[in-house]
């Protein structure tokens, strides 16, 4: 996991840094207080409050480690590298589903930042991999679990 580069936009980097800071400064203290209160209740062998707090503590520490690895191996997408004619990381792309005749807008990001519900797709996803490096007007085949889909790249925007 440590050799993999994590591609992020500037906003994505900021969000991960903020999450890490909150986990270290706020959440650790909250869980430590919960543990302290649970220990004060006595017998730990049948203390569900203690067990819950220990599980939460383990989750938080694991997430902190995961975020630290990502931030040590981050590659931030540069605004200067974005193109208006070729699909590149960080740009917003309008694609047309050739079968459904419907346009969709995606921002191409790294897997650590992908959120399909927000229109952010990974360069490792079927659609992201198919459109990366292609030019406006190109038609691409996307090999998805449901079969092969055809998309046409309609427009590339630098900002979403």
C-alpha atoms as a PDB file:
ATOM      1  CA  UNK A   1       0.000   0.000   0.000  1.00  0.00           C
ATOM      2  CA  UNK A   2       2.879   2.401   0.636  1.00  0.00           C
ATOM      3  CA  UNK A   3       4.139   2.322  -2.978  1.00  0.00           C
ATOM      4  CA  UNK A   4       0.833   3.421  -4.498  1.00  0.00           C
ATOM      5  CA  UNK A   5       0.437   7.104  -5.337  1.00  0.00           C
ATOM      6  CA  UNK A   6      -2.848   8.633  -4.227  1.00  0.00           C
ATOM      7  CA  UNK A   7      -4.035  11.170  -6.776  1.00  0.00           C
ATOM      8  CA  UNK A   8      -6.010  14.049  -5.263  1.00  0.00           C
ATOM      9  CA  UNK A   9      -7.276  17.449  -6.264  1.00  0.00           C
ATOM     10  CA  UNK A  10      -6.360  20.403  -4.046  1.00  0.00           C
ATOM     11  CA  UNK A  11      -9.840  20.219  -2.492  1.00  0.00           C
ATOM     12  CA  UNK A  12      -9.476  16.488  -1.899  1.00  0.00           C
ATOM     13  CA  UNK A  13      -6.115  17.012  -0.200  1.00  0.00           C
ATOM     14  CA  UNK A  14      -7.616  19.692   2.037  1.00  0.00           C
ATOM     15  CA  UNK A  15     -10.517  17.390   3.030  1.00  0.00           C
ATOM     16  CA  UNK A  16      -8.177  14.543   3.971  1.00  0.00           C
ATOM     17  CA  UNK A  17      -5.946  16.870   5.986  1.00  0.00           C
ATOM     18  CA  UNK A  18      -8.995  18.269   7.807  1.00  0.00           C
ATOM     19  CA  UNK A  19     -10.326  14.761   8.533  1.00  0.00           C
ATOM     20  CA  UNK A  20      -6.940  13.671   9.900  1.00  0.00           C
ATOM     21  CA  UNK A  21      -6.721  16.745  12.114  1.00  0.00           C
ATOM     22  CA  UNK A  22     -10.254  16.189  13.466  1.00  0.00           C
ATOM     23  CA  UNK A  23      -9.541  12.520  14.218  1.00  0.00           C
ATOM     24  CA  UNK A  24      -6.294  13.329  16.024  1.00  0.00           C
ATOM     25  CA  UNK A  25      -7.437  16.408  17.944  1.00  0.00           C
ATOM     26  CA  UNK A  26     -11.155  15.893  18.579  1.00  0.00           C
ATOM     27  CA  UNK A  27     -12.189  12.257  18.135  1.00  0.00           C
ATOM     28  CA  UNK A  28      -9.232  10.749  20.039  1.00  0.00           C
ATOM     29  CA  UNK A  29     -10.075  12.915  23.061  1.00  0.00           C
ATOM     30  CA  UNK A  30     -13.766  12.052  22.875  1.00  0.00           C
ATOM     31  CA  UNK A  31     -13.066   8.319  22.800  1.00  0.00           C
ATOM     32  CA  UNK A  32     -10.491   8.600  25.587  1.00  0.00           C
ATOM     33  CA  UNK A  33     -13.143  10.298  27.724  1.00  0.00           C
ATOM     34  CA  UNK A  34     -15.680   7.570  26.900  1.00  0.00           C
ATOM     35  CA  UNK A  35     -13.128   4.920  27.890  1.00  0.00           C
ATOM     36  CA  UNK A  36     -12.402   6.736  31.138  1.00  0.00           C
ATOM     37  CA  UNK A  37     -16.118   6.888  31.982  1.00  0.00           C
ATOM     38  CA  UNK A  38     -16.642   3.211  31.069  1.00  0.00           C
ATOM     39  CA  UNK A  39     -13.704   2.123  33.236  1.00  0.00           C
ATOM     40  CA  UNK A  40     -15.186   4.088  36.130  1.00  0.00           C
ATOM     41  CA  UNK A  41     -18.330   1.935  35.885  1.00  0.00           C
ATOM     42  CA  UNK A  42     -16.361  -1.065  37.119  1.00  0.00           C
ATOM     43  CA  UNK A  43     -16.333  -4.669  35.842  1.00  0.00           C
ATOM     44  CA  UNK A  44     -14.972  -4.471  32.281  1.00  0.00           C
ATOM     45  CA  UNK A  45     -15.828  -8.078  31.375  1.00  0.00           C
ATOM     46  CA  UNK A  46     -19.542  -7.242  30.968  1.00  0.00           C
ATOM     47  CA  UNK A  47     -19.258  -3.555  30.172  1.00  0.00           C
ATOM     48  CA  UNK A  48     -20.700  -2.849  26.707  1.00  0.00           C
ATOM     49  CA  UNK A  49     -19.815   0.855  26.964  1.00  0.00           C
ATOM     50  CA  UNK A  50     -16.159  -0.100  27.372  1.00  0.00           C
ATOM     51  CA  UNK A  51     -16.307  -2.558  24.450  1.00  0.00           C
ATOM     52  CA  UNK A  52     -17.968   0.039  22.185  1.00  0.00           C
ATOM     53  CA  UNK A  53     -15.410   2.691  23.098  1.00  0.00           C
ATOM     54  CA  UNK A  54     -12.499   0.278  22.478  1.00  0.00           C
ATOM     55  CA  UNK A  55     -13.956  -0.657  19.067  1.00  0.00           C
ATOM     56  CA  UNK A  56     -14.382   2.999  18.152  1.00  0.00           C
ATOM     57  CA  UNK A  57     -10.841   3.722  19.306  1.00  0.00           C
ATOM     58  CA  UNK A  58      -9.502   0.931  17.071  1.00  0.00           C
ATOM     59  CA  UNK A  59     -11.491   2.264  14.100  1.00  0.00           C
ATOM     60  CA  UNK A  60     -10.207   5.819  14.633  1.00  0.00           C
ATOM     61  CA  UNK A  61      -6.588   4.686  14.967  1.00  0.00           C
ATOM     62  CA  UNK A  62      -6.919   2.586  11.803  1.00  0.00           C
ATOM     63  CA  UNK A  63      -8.389   5.509   9.870  1.00  0.00           C
ATOM     64  CA  UNK A  64      -5.592   7.800  11.121  1.00  0.00           C
ATOM     65  CA  UNK A  65      -2.982   5.330   9.855  1.00  0.00           C
ATOM     66  CA  UNK A  66      -4.783   5.026   6.501  1.00  0.00           C
ATOM     67  CA  UNK A  67      -4.930   8.816   6.066  1.00  0.00           C
ATOM     68  CA  UNK A  68      -1.275   9.257   7.037  1.00  0.00           C
ATOM     69  CA  UNK A  69      -0.210   6.707   4.402  1.00  0.00           C
ATOM     70  CA  UNK A  70      -2.317   8.445   1.753  1.00  0.00           C
ATOM     71  CA  UNK A  71      -0.939  11.869   2.656  1.00  0.00           C
ATOM     72  CA  UNK A  72       2.661  10.591   2.586  1.00  0.00           C
ATOM     73  CA  UNK A  73       2.091   9.235  -0.926  1.00  0.00           C
ATOM     74  CA  UNK A  74      -0.130  11.940  -2.368  1.00  0.00           C
ATOM     75  CA  UNK A  75       0.173  13.404  -5.846  1.00  0.00           C
ATOM     76  CA  UNK A  76      -1.831  16.603  -6.209  1.00  0.00           C
ATOM     77  CA  UNK A  77      -3.433  17.272  -9.579  1.00  0.00           C
ATOM     78  CA  UNK A  78      -1.991  20.483 -10.927  1.00  0.00           C
ATOM     79  CA  UNK A  79      -4.339  23.048 -12.470  1.00  0.00           C
ATOM     80  CA  UNK A  80      -1.661  23.827 -15.061  1.00  0.00           C
ATOM     81  CA  UNK A  81      -1.750  20.259 -16.399  1.00  0.00           C
ATOM     82  CA  UNK A  82      -5.470  20.399 -17.205  1.00  0.00           C
ATOM     83  CA  UNK A  83      -6.447  20.588 -20.844  1.00  0.00           C
ATOM     84  CA  UNK A  84      -9.613  21.771 -22.535  1.00  0.00           C
ATOM     85  CA  UNK A  85      -9.158  19.425 -25.484  1.00  0.00           C
ATOM     86  CA  UNK A  86      -7.946  16.197 -23.865  1.00  0.00           C
ATOM     87  CA  UNK A  87      -9.468  14.470 -20.827  1.00  0.00           C
ATOM     88  CA  UNK A  88      -7.014  14.694 -17.936  1.00  0.00           C
ATOM     89  CA  UNK A  89      -7.081  14.269 -14.180  1.00  0.00           C
ATOM     90  CA  UNK A  90      -9.098  16.913 -12.356  1.00  0.00           C
ATOM     91  CA  UNK A  91     -11.094  18.120 -15.318  1.00  0.00           C
ATOM     92  CA  UNK A  92     -14.852  18.041 -15.624  1.00  0.00           C
ATOM     93  CA  UNK A  93     -16.097  16.054 -18.602  1.00  0.00           C
ATOM     94  CA  UNK A  94     -19.520  15.984 -20.226  1.00  0.00           C
ATOM     95  CA  UNK A  95     -20.154  12.621 -21.884  1.00  0.00           C
ATOM     96  CA  UNK A  96     -23.184  11.456 -23.863  1.00  0.00           C
ATOM     97  CA  UNK A  97     -24.501   7.931 -23.431  1.00  0.00           C
ATOM     98  CA  UNK A  98     -24.982   7.037 -27.095  1.00  0.00           C
ATOM     99  CA  UNK A  99     -27.735   4.497 -26.398  1.00  0.00           C
ATOM    100  CA  UNK A 100     -29.789   6.559 -23.940  1.00  0.00           C
ATOM    101  CA  UNK A 101     -29.003   9.885 -25.689  1.00  0.00           C
ATOM    102  CA  UNK A 102     -28.397  11.449 -22.300  1.00  0.00           C
ATOM    103  CA  UNK A 103     -25.536  13.688 -21.115  1.00  0.00           C
ATOM    104  CA  UNK A 104     -23.696  13.118 -17.844  1.00  0.00           C
ATOM    105  CA  UNK A 105     -21.073  15.288 -16.168  1.00  0.00           C
ATOM    106  CA  UNK A 106     -18.127  13.763 -14.317  1.00  0.00           C
ATOM    107  CA  UNK A 107     -15.029  15.115 -12.622  1.00  0.00           C
ATOM    108  CA  UNK A 108     -12.084  12.761 -13.068  1.00  0.00           C
ATOM    109  CA  UNK A 109     -10.262  12.226  -9.755  1.00  0.00           C
ATOM    110  CA  UNK A 110      -8.078   9.628  -8.068  1.00  0.00           C
ATOM    111  CA  UNK A 111      -9.614   6.609  -6.355  1.00  0.00           C
ATOM    112  CA  UNK A 112      -9.083   8.110  -2.879  1.00  0.00           C
ATOM    113  CA  UNK A 113     -11.392  11.000  -3.758  1.00  0.00           C
ATOM    114  CA  UNK A 114     -13.984   9.276  -5.955  1.00  0.00           C
ATOM    115  CA  UNK A 115     -17.629   9.795  -5.045  1.00  0.00           C
ATOM    116  CA  UNK A 116     -20.032   8.812  -7.841  1.00  0.00           C
ATOM    117  CA  UNK A 117     -22.977  10.405  -5.997  1.00  0.00           C
ATOM    118  CA  UNK A 118     -21.192  13.768  -6.396  1.00  0.00           C
ATOM    119  CA  UNK A 119     -20.176  13.058  -9.997  1.00  0.00           C
ATOM    120  CA  UNK A 120     -16.546  12.382  -9.047  1.00  0.00           C
ATOM    121  CA  UNK A 121     -15.284   9.252 -10.775  1.00  0.00           C
ATOM    122  CA  UNK A 122     -11.943   7.548 -10.426  1.00  0.00           C
ATOM    123  CA  UNK A 123      -9.421   7.268 -13.212  1.00  0.00           C
ATOM    124  CA  UNK A 124      -9.448   3.542 -12.320  1.00  0.00           C
ATOM    125  CA  UNK A 125     -13.222   3.149 -12.868  1.00  0.00           C
ATOM    126  CA  UNK A 126     -14.459   1.733 -16.199  1.00  0.00           C
ATOM    127  CA  UNK A 127     -15.700   5.128 -17.427  1.00  0.00           C
ATOM    128  CA  UNK A 128     -12.713   7.044 -16.058  1.00  0.00           C
ATOM    129  CA  UNK A 129     -10.179   4.654 -17.591  1.00  0.00           C
ATOM    130  CA  UNK A 130     -11.977   4.739 -20.955  1.00  0.00           C
ATOM    131  CA  UNK A 131     -12.121   8.546 -21.274  1.00  0.00           C
ATOM    132  CA  UNK A 132      -8.720   9.458 -19.795  1.00  0.00           C
ATOM    133  CA  UNK A 133      -6.480  10.895 -22.504  1.00  0.00           C
ATOM    134  CA  UNK A 134      -9.258  11.082 -25.116  1.00  0.00           C
ATOM    135  CA  UNK A 135     -10.211  14.230 -27.025  1.00  0.00           C
ATOM    136  CA  UNK A 136     -13.516  16.088 -27.362  1.00  0.00           C
ATOM    137  CA  UNK A 137     -15.611  14.377 -30.032  1.00  0.00           C
ATOM    138  CA  UNK A 138     -14.107  10.941 -29.392  1.00  0.00           C
ATOM    139  CA  UNK A 139     -16.373   7.956 -28.904  1.00  0.00           C
ATOM    140  CA  UNK A 140     -15.219   5.354 -26.376  1.00  0.00           C
ATOM    141  CA  UNK A 141     -16.318   1.859 -25.424  1.00  0.00           C
ATOM    142  CA  UNK A 142     -16.753   1.384 -21.698  1.00  0.00           C
ATOM    143  CA  UNK A 143     -16.537  -2.194 -20.495  1.00  0.00           C
ATOM    144  CA  UNK A 144     -18.934  -2.234 -17.550  1.00  0.00           C
ATOM    145  CA  UNK A 145     -20.437  -5.166 -15.623  1.00  0.00           C
ATOM    146  CA  UNK A 146     -23.686  -4.671 -17.567  1.00  0.00           C
ATOM    147  CA  UNK A 147     -21.875  -4.907 -20.927  1.00  0.00           C
ATOM    148  CA  UNK A 148     -20.195  -2.533 -23.346  1.00  0.00           C
ATOM    149  CA  UNK A 149     -21.487   1.034 -23.270  1.00  0.00           C
ATOM    150  CA  UNK A 150     -20.669   3.744 -25.821  1.00  0.00           C
ATOM    151  CA  UNK A 151     -19.951   7.288 -24.695  1.00  0.00           C
ATOM    152  CA  UNK A 152     -19.081  10.370 -26.716  1.00  0.00           C
ATOM    153  CA  UNK A 153     -16.964  13.072 -25.096  1.00  0.00           C
ATOM    154  CA  UNK A 154     -18.997  16.249 -25.620  1.00  0.00           C
ATOM    155  CA  UNK A 155     -17.157  18.896 -23.614  1.00  0.00           C
ATOM    156  CA  UNK A 156     -14.270  19.349 -21.196  1.00  0.00           C
ATOM    157  CA  UNK A 157     -14.409  22.013 -18.492  1.00  0.00           C
ATOM    158  CA  UNK A 158     -11.578  22.923 -16.123  1.00  0.00           C
ATOM    159  CA  UNK A 159     -13.752  23.710 -13.108  1.00  0.00           C
ATOM    160  CA  UNK A 160     -16.835  21.937 -11.879  1.00  0.00           C
END
